[in-house]
Structure formats: structure tokens, C-alpha cells
């Protein structure tokens, strides 16, 4: 997984992994820390937007909180 740099230092996201049709996001806190979002669970538009935000290291946590995309699994 790649470290999420969080350029504004205000995110709960710590790391992420990007695949062709998914993104796995690890959060710093919470009962479940790792969530997988796929094209099937969240839709391709949400997943692609989350990929872009993750690679820009900014806005990912806010996007998830605002849009509440469906995850396929959590651990």
C-alpha cells in the first residue's frame, strides 16, 4: 500500500492501494480500518474519483464522508 501524504494534514486516511477496478483505503482510526471500494459496489465514477484524490494526496476523506460510496468489504 502507498502512504497517503495528506498535504493539508487533516485526513483520517493513512494508506491506499489502487487496482484497475478498485481502491483499498486504510484509515487511521475506527472499528474497521481497511475498506475496499469496487466498480461493482461503489460505481466506476466514485472509484475513479477516489483514485484521483488518493494520487493527489488531498480530499479523499472529505469525498468519502460527503458521498458515502458503498464498499465491498471492510476489515
C-alpha atoms as a PDB file:
ATOM      1  CA  UNK A   1       0.000   0.000   0.000  1.00  0.00           C
ATOM      2  CA  UNK A   2       1.060   3.554  -0.674  1.00  0.00           C
ATOM      3  CA  UNK A   3       1.166   6.137   2.074  1.00  0.00           C
ATOM      4  CA  UNK A   4      -1.420   8.924   1.805  1.00  0.00           C
ATOM      5  CA  UNK A   5       0.606  12.094   2.337  1.00  0.00           C
ATOM      6  CA  UNK A   6      -2.390  14.265   3.325  1.00  0.00           C
ATOM      7  CA  UNK A   7      -0.949  17.586   2.215  1.00  0.00           C
ATOM      8  CA  UNK A   8      -3.335  19.542   4.467  1.00  0.00           C
ATOM      9  CA  UNK A   9      -2.731  17.241   7.451  1.00  0.00           C
ATOM     10  CA  UNK A  10      -6.466  16.926   8.140  1.00  0.00           C
ATOM     11  CA  UNK A  11      -7.404  13.428   6.956  1.00  0.00           C
ATOM     12  CA  UNK A  12      -8.231  10.112   8.581  1.00  0.00           C
ATOM     13  CA  UNK A  13      -6.788   8.258   5.539  1.00  0.00           C
ATOM     14  CA  UNK A  14      -3.382   6.677   6.125  1.00  0.00           C
ATOM     15  CA  UNK A  15      -2.701   4.429   3.096  1.00  0.00           C
ATOM     16  CA  UNK A  16      -4.275   3.268  -0.161  1.00  0.00           C
ATOM     17  CA  UNK A  17      -3.863   0.721  -2.935  1.00  0.00           C
ATOM     18  CA  UNK A  18      -5.179   1.191  -6.458  1.00  0.00           C
ATOM     19  CA  UNK A  19      -6.208  -1.546  -8.883  1.00  0.00           C
ATOM     20  CA  UNK A  20      -7.890  -1.491 -12.277  1.00  0.00           C
ATOM     21  CA  UNK A  21     -11.419  -1.532 -10.888  1.00  0.00           C
ATOM     22  CA  UNK A  22     -10.955  -0.927  -7.172  1.00  0.00           C
ATOM     23  CA  UNK A  23      -9.317   1.130  -4.451  1.00  0.00           C
ATOM     24  CA  UNK A  24      -8.464  -0.083  -0.961  1.00  0.00           C
ATOM     25  CA  UNK A  25      -8.290   2.622   1.681  1.00  0.00           C
ATOM     26  CA  UNK A  26      -6.821   2.276   5.149  1.00  0.00           C
ATOM     27  CA  UNK A  27      -7.997   4.743   7.782  1.00  0.00           C
ATOM     28  CA  UNK A  28      -6.092   5.856  10.894  1.00  0.00           C
ATOM     29  CA  UNK A  29      -8.975   5.168  13.278  1.00  0.00           C
ATOM     30  CA  UNK A  30     -12.290   3.374  13.578  1.00  0.00           C
ATOM     31  CA  UNK A  31     -13.560  -0.113  14.371  1.00  0.00           C
ATOM     32  CA  UNK A  32     -12.779  -1.230  10.834  1.00  0.00           C
ATOM     33  CA  UNK A  33      -9.733   0.361   9.290  1.00  0.00           C
ATOM     34  CA  UNK A  34      -9.483  -1.025   5.736  1.00  0.00           C
ATOM     35  CA  UNK A  35     -12.256  -0.597   3.185  1.00  0.00           C
ATOM     36  CA  UNK A  36     -12.352  -1.872  -0.395  1.00  0.00           C
ATOM     37  CA  UNK A  37     -14.393   0.066  -2.934  1.00  0.00           C
ATOM     38  CA  UNK A  38     -15.017  -1.566  -6.323  1.00  0.00           C
ATOM     39  CA  UNK A  39     -16.748  -0.635  -9.555  1.00  0.00           C
ATOM     40  CA  UNK A  40     -19.496  -3.082  -8.593  1.00  0.00           C
ATOM     41  CA  UNK A  41     -20.017  -1.816  -5.031  1.00  0.00           C
ATOM     42  CA  UNK A  42     -19.463   1.934  -5.421  1.00  0.00           C
ATOM     43  CA  UNK A  43     -19.676   2.516  -9.166  1.00  0.00           C
ATOM     44  CA  UNK A  44     -16.860   3.375 -11.525  1.00  0.00           C
ATOM     45  CA  UNK A  45     -17.352   7.150 -11.193  1.00  0.00           C
ATOM     46  CA  UNK A  46     -16.835   7.082  -7.419  1.00  0.00           C
ATOM     47  CA  UNK A  47     -13.870   4.704  -7.624  1.00  0.00           C
ATOM     48  CA  UNK A  48     -12.131   6.739 -10.332  1.00  0.00           C
ATOM     49  CA  UNK A  49     -12.688   9.974  -8.385  1.00  0.00           C
ATOM     50  CA  UNK A  50     -11.286   8.364  -5.208  1.00  0.00           C
ATOM     51  CA  UNK A  51      -8.244   7.140  -7.177  1.00  0.00           C
ATOM     52  CA  UNK A  52      -7.553  10.674  -8.429  1.00  0.00           C
ATOM     53  CA  UNK A  53      -7.921  12.165  -4.946  1.00  0.00           C
ATOM     54  CA  UNK A  54      -5.682   9.470  -3.463  1.00  0.00           C
ATOM     55  CA  UNK A  55      -2.957  10.133  -6.027  1.00  0.00           C
ATOM     56  CA  UNK A  56      -3.244  13.879  -5.341  1.00  0.00           C
ATOM     57  CA  UNK A  57      -2.982  13.157  -1.580  1.00  0.00           C
ATOM     58  CA  UNK A  58      -5.786  15.573  -0.831  1.00  0.00           C
ATOM     59  CA  UNK A  59      -9.565  15.492  -0.357  1.00  0.00           C
ATOM     60  CA  UNK A  60     -10.127  11.723  -0.193  1.00  0.00           C
ATOM     61  CA  UNK A  61     -11.539  11.530   3.337  1.00  0.00           C
ATOM     62  CA  UNK A  62     -13.852  14.501   2.681  1.00  0.00           C
ATOM     63  CA  UNK A  63     -15.101  12.954  -0.561  1.00  0.00           C
ATOM     64  CA  UNK A  64     -15.942   9.674   1.183  1.00  0.00           C
ATOM     65  CA  UNK A  65     -17.744  11.456   4.025  1.00  0.00           C
ATOM     66  CA  UNK A  66     -19.781  13.630   1.626  1.00  0.00           C
ATOM     67  CA  UNK A  67     -20.697  10.935  -0.910  1.00  0.00           C
ATOM     68  CA  UNK A  68     -20.801   7.770   1.215  1.00  0.00           C
ATOM     69  CA  UNK A  69     -19.824   5.357  -1.590  1.00  0.00           C
ATOM     70  CA  UNK A  70     -20.661   1.711  -0.925  1.00  0.00           C
ATOM     71  CA  UNK A  71     -17.734  -0.548  -0.031  1.00  0.00           C
ATOM     72  CA  UNK A  72     -17.456  -4.216  -0.958  1.00  0.00           C
ATOM     73  CA  UNK A  73     -15.579  -5.257   2.175  1.00  0.00           C
ATOM     74  CA  UNK A  74     -14.053  -3.943   5.366  1.00  0.00           C
ATOM     75  CA  UNK A  75     -11.614  -5.355   7.893  1.00  0.00           C
END
